[in-house]
Protein backbone atom coordinates (compact mmCIF):
# COMPACT_ATOMS: atom_id res chain seq x y z
CA MET A 1 0.04 0.00 0.00
CA THR A 2 1.46 3.49 -0.98
CA THR A 3 1.79 6.17 1.60
CA VAL A 4 -1.18 8.17 0.29
CA ALA A 5 -3.35 5.03 0.45
CA SER A 6 -2.22 4.37 3.89
CA ARG A 7 -2.83 7.74 5.03
CA GLN A 8 -6.35 7.56 3.58
CA VAL A 9 -7.08 4.41 5.39
CA ASP A 10 -5.80 6.03 8.74
CA LEU A 11 -8.11 9.04 8.28
CA ILE A 12 -11.12 6.76 7.58
CA LEU A 13 -10.36 4.77 10.66
CA GLN A 14 -10.02 7.78 12.59
CA SER A 15 -13.34 9.00 11.40
CA LEU A 16 -14.98 5.88 12.55
CA ASP A 17 -13.52 6.46 16.06
CA GLN A 18 -15.58 9.61 16.24
CA LEU A 19 -18.88 8.14 15.67
CA PRO A 20 -21.46 8.18 18.53
CA THR A 21 -20.86 5.53 21.23
CA LEU A 22 -23.64 3.06 22.61
CA SER A 23 -25.86 4.72 25.34
CA PRO A 24 -24.73 4.49 29.01
CA ILE A 25 -27.32 1.76 29.75
CA ALA A 26 -26.15 -0.50 26.76
CA VAL A 27 -22.56 -0.06 27.88
CA ARG A 28 -23.22 -0.90 31.47
CA LEU A 29 -25.41 -3.72 30.58
CA LEU A 30 -22.60 -5.19 28.52
CA LYS A 31 -20.15 -4.98 31.32
CA ILE A 32 -22.26 -6.49 33.98
CA THR A 33 -23.76 -9.22 32.00
CA ASN A 34 -20.32 -10.32 30.76
CA ALA A 35 -19.16 -10.42 34.50
CA ALA A 36 -19.01 -13.57 36.32
CA ASP A 37 -20.55 -12.04 39.38
CA ALA A 38 -23.49 -10.25 37.32
CA GLU A 39 -26.26 -9.37 39.68
CA PHE A 40 -29.84 -10.21 38.36
CA ASP A 41 -31.44 -7.25 40.28
CA GLU A 42 -28.78 -4.90 39.05
CA VAL A 43 -29.57 -5.71 35.44
CA ILE A 44 -33.43 -5.40 35.95
CA LYS A 45 -32.99 -2.07 37.66
CA LEU A 46 -30.86 -0.69 34.86
CA ILE A 47 -33.53 -1.65 32.04
CA GLU A 48 -36.23 -0.32 34.24
CA SER A 49 -34.55 3.07 34.51
CA ASP A 50 -35.54 3.72 30.96
CA PRO A 51 -39.22 3.47 30.70
CA ALA A 52 -39.30 3.72 26.75
CA LEU A 53 -36.80 1.14 26.48
CA SER A 54 -38.75 -1.22 29.05
CA ALA A 55 -41.94 -0.77 26.84
CA LYS A 56 -40.08 -1.70 23.74
CA ILE A 57 -38.34 -4.79 25.37
CA LEU A 58 -41.67 -6.11 26.64
CA SER A 59 -43.14 -5.74 23.29
CA LEU A 60 -40.16 -7.68 21.78
CA CYS A 61 -40.28 -10.32 24.55
CA ARG A 62 -44.26 -10.78 24.13
CA ARG A 63 -43.53 -11.92 20.43
CA ALA A 64 -41.30 -14.78 21.62
CA ASP A 65 -42.38 -18.24 20.43
CA MET A 66 -43.86 -19.28 23.92
CA GLY A 67 -47.43 -19.06 24.90
CA ALA A 68 -46.48 -17.80 28.40
CA ALA A 69 -44.61 -14.91 26.96
CA ARG A 70 -47.98 -13.13 26.19
CA SER A 71 -48.62 -12.65 29.74
CA ILE A 72 -45.34 -10.85 30.38
CA THR A 73 -46.05 -7.25 32.01
CA THR A 74 -42.76 -6.43 33.67
CA VAL A 75 -38.98 -6.59 32.85
CA ARG A 76 -38.34 -8.68 35.79
CA ARG A 77 -41.11 -11.22 34.80
CA ALA A 78 -39.60 -11.25 31.13
CA ALA A 79 -36.14 -12.09 32.56
CA VAL A 80 -37.46 -14.81 34.75
CA MET A 81 -39.67 -16.42 32.07
CA LEU A 82 -37.70 -15.94 28.89
CA GLY A 83 -34.11 -15.87 30.44
CA MET A 84 -31.71 -12.95 31.12
CA GLU A 85 -30.03 -13.70 27.77
CA ALA A 86 -33.04 -13.12 25.76
CA VAL A 87 -33.68 -9.84 27.48
CA HIS A 88 -30.11 -8.74 27.20
CA SER A 89 -30.22 -9.50 23.50
CA ALA A 90 -33.55 -7.48 23.03
CA VAL A 91 -32.04 -4.41 24.86
CA LEU A 92 -28.88 -4.31 22.87
CA SER A 93 -30.76 -4.76 19.56
CA VAL A 94 -33.04 -1.84 20.26
CA GLN A 95 -30.14 0.22 21.64
CA ILE A 96 -28.03 -0.40 18.48
CA TYR A 97 -30.84 0.24 16.07
CA GLU A 98 -31.97 3.42 17.67
CA LEU A 99 -28.45 4.77 18.03
CA MET A 100 -27.68 4.07 14.28
CA GLN A 101 -30.88 5.86 13.37
CA GLN A 102 -30.06 8.98 15.38
CA ALA A 103 -26.53 9.79 14.48
CA PRO A 104 -25.39 13.20 13.91
CA GLY A 105 -26.03 14.34 10.43
CA ALA A 106 -27.98 11.16 9.65
CA GLU A 107 -30.94 13.01 7.89
CA GLU A 108 -28.75 15.32 5.76
CA LYS A 109 -26.46 12.33 4.67
CA ARG A 110 -29.58 10.29 3.77
CA GLU A 111 -30.05 12.93 0.89
CA HIS A 112 -26.66 12.20 -0.36
CA THR A 113 -27.31 8.40 -0.49
CA ILE A 114 -30.88 8.13 -1.52
CA ALA A 115 -30.13 6.93 -5.08
CA ALA A 116 -27.67 4.34 -4.13
CA PHE A 117 -27.57 3.58 -0.34
CA ASP A 118 -31.03 2.20 0.50
CA ARG A 119 -31.37 2.65 4.17
CA ALA A 120 -34.70 1.25 4.69
CA GLY A 121 -33.70 -1.79 2.68
CA PHE A 122 -30.40 -1.90 4.60
CA TRP A 123 -32.23 -2.28 7.79
CA LYS A 124 -34.75 -4.81 6.43
CA HIS A 125 -31.90 -6.95 5.21
CA SER A 126 -30.11 -6.55 8.73
CA ILE A 127 -33.14 -7.74 10.56
CA ALA A 128 -33.71 -10.56 8.13
CA VAL A 129 -30.20 -11.77 8.81
CA ALA A 130 -30.82 -11.52 12.53
CA THR A 131 -34.04 -13.38 12.31
CA ALA A 132 -32.58 -16.19 10.11
CA SER A 133 -29.59 -16.36 12.38
CA GLU A 134 -31.86 -16.74 15.39
CA MET A 135 -33.81 -19.54 13.77
CA ILE A 136 -30.76 -21.43 12.29
CA ALA A 137 -28.96 -21.23 15.99
CA SER A 138 -32.28 -22.89 17.28
CA ILE A 139 -32.10 -25.70 14.59
CA ALA A 140 -28.24 -26.23 14.62
CA LYS A 141 -27.84 -27.89 18.01
CA GLN A 142 -24.56 -29.17 17.52
CA ALA A 143 -23.13 -25.72 16.82
CA LYS A 144 -24.18 -24.68 20.48
CA VAL A 145 -24.86 -21.01 19.52
CA SER A 146 -27.43 -19.05 21.63
CA PRO A 147 -30.17 -17.87 19.31
CA GLU A 148 -30.34 -14.65 21.25
CA GLU A 149 -26.63 -13.97 20.61
CA ALA A 150 -27.22 -15.12 17.10
CA PHE A 151 -29.91 -12.49 16.42
CA VAL A 152 -27.71 -9.58 17.74
CA ALA A 153 -24.72 -10.81 15.64
CA GLY A 154 -26.84 -10.94 12.59
CA LEU A 155 -28.38 -7.61 13.26
CA VAL A 156 -24.89 -5.88 13.37
CA HIS A 157 -23.23 -7.94 10.71
CA ASP A 158 -23.33 -5.16 8.05
CA LEU A 159 -23.10 -1.94 10.18
CA GLY A 160 -19.52 -1.45 8.51
CA LYS A 161 -21.50 -0.31 5.38
CA LEU A 162 -23.49 2.16 7.47
CA ALA A 163 -20.36 3.62 9.21
CA LEU A 164 -18.77 4.17 5.88
CA ASP A 165 -21.78 5.79 4.51
CA TRP A 166 -21.67 8.20 7.55
CA VAL A 167 -17.98 9.18 7.47
CA MET A 168 -17.86 9.66 3.69
CA PRO A 169 -21.45 10.06 2.02
CA ARG A 170 -20.43 11.28 -1.24
CA THR A 171 -17.64 8.75 -1.67
CA TYR A 172 -19.39 5.85 -0.46
CA ASP A 173 -22.50 6.86 -2.56
CA LYS A 174 -20.26 6.49 -5.72
CA ILE A 175 -18.90 3.04 -4.61
CA VAL A 176 -22.28 1.68 -3.89
CA LYS A 177 -23.56 2.99 -7.25
CA GLN A 178 -20.65 1.32 -9.08
CA ALA A 179 -21.17 -1.91 -7.34
CA GLU A 180 -24.77 -1.91 -8.17
CA SER A 181 -24.62 -0.74 -11.75
CA ARG A 182 -21.80 -3.35 -12.73
CA GLN A 183 -22.96 -5.91 -10.31
CA GLN A 184 -19.60 -6.31 -8.57
CA VAL A 185 -19.06 -7.44 -4.98
CA LEU A 186 -19.38 -4.32 -2.89
CA SER A 187 -16.40 -5.30 -0.52
CA ALA A 188 -14.13 -5.52 -3.65
CA VAL A 189 -15.09 -1.99 -4.97
CA GLU A 190 -14.60 -0.59 -1.35
CA ARG A 191 -11.06 -2.10 -1.19
CA ALA A 192 -10.23 -0.74 -4.61
CA VAL A 193 -11.38 2.74 -3.90
CA LEU A 194 -10.66 3.09 -0.12
CA GLY A 195 -8.09 0.57 0.83
CA LEU A 196 -10.35 -1.00 3.23
CA ASP A 197 -13.85 -2.66 3.23
CA HIS A 198 -17.12 -2.71 5.45
CA HIS A 199 -15.80 -5.68 7.26
CA GLN A 200 -12.74 -3.77 8.48
CA ALA A 201 -14.85 -0.68 9.17
CA GLY A 202 -17.39 -3.06 11.07
CA LYS A 203 -14.52 -4.34 13.27
CA ARG A 204 -13.23 -1.06 14.22
CA LEU A 205 -16.97 0.20 15.06
CA ALA A 206 -17.36 -2.96 17.04
CA GLU A 207 -13.97 -2.09 18.99
CA HIS A 208 -15.14 1.47 19.45
CA TRP A 209 -18.32 0.18 21.09
CA SER A 210 -16.57 -2.55 23.11
CA LEU A 211 -19.00 -5.11 21.74
CA PRO A 212 -18.39 -8.77 22.73
CA HIS A 213 -15.90 -10.73 20.48
CA ALA A 214 -18.50 -12.79 18.99
CA LEU A 215 -20.25 -9.79 17.74
CA GLN A 216 -16.93 -8.10 16.56
CA ASP A 217 -16.15 -11.29 14.66
CA ALA A 218 -19.56 -11.61 13.06
CA MET A 219 -19.16 -7.87 11.64
CA TRP A 220 -15.58 -8.64 10.42
CA LEU A 221 -15.54 -12.39 9.23
CA HIS A 222 -19.02 -13.21 8.04
CA GLU A 223 -18.04 -13.59 4.53
CA GLN A 224 -15.16 -15.96 5.37
CA SER A 225 -15.31 -19.85 4.48
CA PRO A 226 -15.27 -22.51 7.05
CA SER A 227 -11.77 -23.47 5.72
CA ALA A 228 -10.65 -19.83 6.15
CA MET A 229 -11.84 -19.61 9.79
CA PRO A 230 -9.66 -20.48 12.70
CA GLU A 231 -10.75 -22.63 15.53
CA VAL A 232 -11.87 -19.80 17.84
CA PRO A 233 -14.86 -19.83 20.15
CA THR A 234 -16.74 -17.43 17.92
CA ARG A 235 -16.40 -19.53 14.89
CA ASN A 236 -19.90 -20.96 14.83
CA VAL A 237 -21.52 -17.77 15.55
CA VAL A 238 -19.83 -16.35 12.53
CA GLY A 239 -20.99 -19.70 10.50
CA VAL A 240 -24.54 -18.87 11.58
CA VAL A 241 -24.50 -15.39 10.56
CA ALA A 242 -22.80 -16.42 7.19
CA VAL A 243 -25.58 -18.97 6.32
CA ALA A 244 -28.28 -16.45 7.22
CA ASN A 245 -26.74 -13.69 5.25
CA GLY A 246 -26.33 -15.99 2.12
CA LEU A 247 -29.88 -17.20 2.56
CA CYS A 248 -31.22 -13.69 2.86
CA ARG A 249 -29.34 -12.62 -0.26
CA ARG A 250 -30.50 -15.54 -2.12
CA LEU A 251 -34.15 -14.64 -1.22
CA MET A 252 -33.52 -11.06 -1.86
CA VAL A 253 -34.91 -9.81 1.51
CA GLY A 254 -33.83 -6.24 1.88
CA TRP A 255 -30.86 -4.41 0.25
CA SER A 256 -27.19 -5.25 0.81
CA GLY A 257 -25.61 -3.87 -2.29
CA GLY A 258 -23.82 -4.88 -5.27
CA ALA A 259 -23.34 -8.64 -6.41
CA ASP A 260 -23.75 -11.47 -4.09
CA GLY A 261 -20.54 -12.70 -2.62
CA ALA A 262 -22.14 -14.61 0.21
CA GLU A 263 -24.48 -17.26 -1.24
CA GLY A 264 -21.51 -19.56 -1.99
CA LEU A 265 -20.83 -19.84 1.71
CA ILE A 266 -24.22 -21.52 2.51
CA ASP A 267 -23.44 -25.15 1.73
CA PRO A 268 -20.01 -25.36 3.35
CA TRP A 269 -21.12 -23.55 6.38
CA CYS A 270 -24.17 -25.73 6.89
CA ASN A 271 -22.13 -28.75 6.39
CA ALA A 272 -19.80 -27.42 9.15
CA LEU A 273 -22.75 -26.52 11.48
CA GLY A 274 -24.89 -29.67 10.78
CA VAL A 275 -27.73 -27.83 9.08
CA SER A 276 -29.69 -29.86 6.59
CA ALA A 277 -31.21 -28.75 3.35
CA THR A 278 -34.54 -29.46 4.93
CA ASP A 279 -33.77 -27.29 8.02
CA LEU A 280 -32.83 -24.40 5.58
CA ALA A 281 -35.86 -24.84 3.78
CA GLU A 282 -37.89 -24.56 6.85
CA VAL A 283 -36.25 -21.27 7.87
CA ALA A 284 -36.77 -19.90 4.31
CA ASN A 285 -40.52 -20.56 4.58
CA LYS A 286 -40.86 -18.76 7.82
CA LEU A 287 -38.57 -15.99 7.02
CA HIS A 288 -40.82 -13.21 5.41
CA GLU A 289 -43.44 -13.59 8.10
CA SER A 290 -40.83 -13.35 10.82
CA VAL A 291 -39.03 -10.40 9.36
CA ALA A 292 -42.28 -8.60 8.76
CA ASP A 293 -43.01 -8.88 12.38
CA ARG A 294 -39.69 -7.93 13.77
CA CYS A 295 -39.44 -4.92 11.39
CA ARG A 296 -42.82 -3.70 12.89
CA LEU A 297 -41.67 -4.00 16.34
CA LEU A 298 -38.28 -2.24 15.95
CA GLY A 299 -40.06 0.63 13.86
CA VAL A 300 -38.83 -0.22 10.44
CA GLY A 301 -42.12 0.59 8.94
CA GLU A 302 -45.15 -1.54 8.47
CA HIS A 303 -44.75 -4.69 6.37
CA THR A 304 -46.91 -7.80 5.56
CA PRO A 305 -45.25 -10.98 4.70
CA GLU A 306 -46.96 -10.92 1.33
CA ALA A 307 -45.78 -7.39 0.53
CA MET A 308 -42.25 -8.57 1.51
CA ILE A 309 -42.45 -11.58 -0.89
CA VAL A 310 -43.47 -9.14 -3.70
CA GLU A 311 -40.66 -6.89 -2.96
CA SER A 312 -38.23 -10.04 -3.16
CA ILE A 313 -39.71 -10.92 -6.56
CA SER A 314 -39.38 -7.41 -7.66
CA GLU A 315 -35.78 -7.09 -6.69
CA ALA A 316 -34.82 -10.49 -8.61
CA ASN A 317 -36.52 -8.98 -11.57
CA ARG A 318 -34.49 -5.71 -11.21
CA ARG A 319 -31.22 -7.77 -10.78
CA LEU A 320 -32.21 -9.96 -13.97
CA SER A 321 -32.78 -6.70 -15.93
CA ARG A 322 -29.59 -5.18 -14.86
CA MET A 323 -27.69 -8.34 -16.00
CA GLN A 324 -29.40 -8.37 -19.37
CA ASP A 325 -28.44 -4.66 -19.83
CA GLN A 326 -24.67 -5.60 -19.19
């Protein structure tokens, strides 16, 4: 890498370090839930200190696939019935989504990227990958990945794209347009123009937020094949997200930019995780309905499963048209 290119990368990374940090509630929650002596009451009081957050958490928990979950009326009851990990996952998901929606200058930068970076589609894809990751983790018993952890990992997996869009909206707009118009893999165009890609940007953002290693690795390594992944504790979390990402891109749920570089990872990671073709088909059949529900709860517009299926078909037709034009 030349001196000029190296300097550009350093400037981008420094800009990423200037992005907003997680709220004090999210930071404190991460610290106490990762501690060996985490106090149940302390976690409950922390969540209850924010009434708006508590209300949204209860809404999310009531949608859990458990009959008893519908009777949950307090954060404490949610934690007792669903488990602290489920509540922790819900809190982190809400906090990250709301932060990324409220960053300084987000509205102005939306205007620069409306033609290329589809923010609504981006969040729909992120929630789809989160939802698929949760379902895959529930099925892949031998992988021993918590469905709650898988959901958050899927939600944050592509935040490096949003971070790059924030720190350099005009340049990133051109990168996305090139990848879209020429049907190139987005990360390859990013590296050619910037000297780094959204995986590295995501890793830097995750470190900036002091996220757990499993989430950091999901943001950084979710497009790695099983053969390229070292035997580390986070390996299966990354694999679950890789399968979910490939599946959502195959089904064209939401927007993720450029040509698909993830679908080829589905089979090797399914084999590594013990996920059968029947298992994956079951996830695919439930995905649109589950994503529509999660989008509504997190405030990403009102969607019906039928409308989401129509959107997926429309996107498939647009992609085919672009390929024919080329």
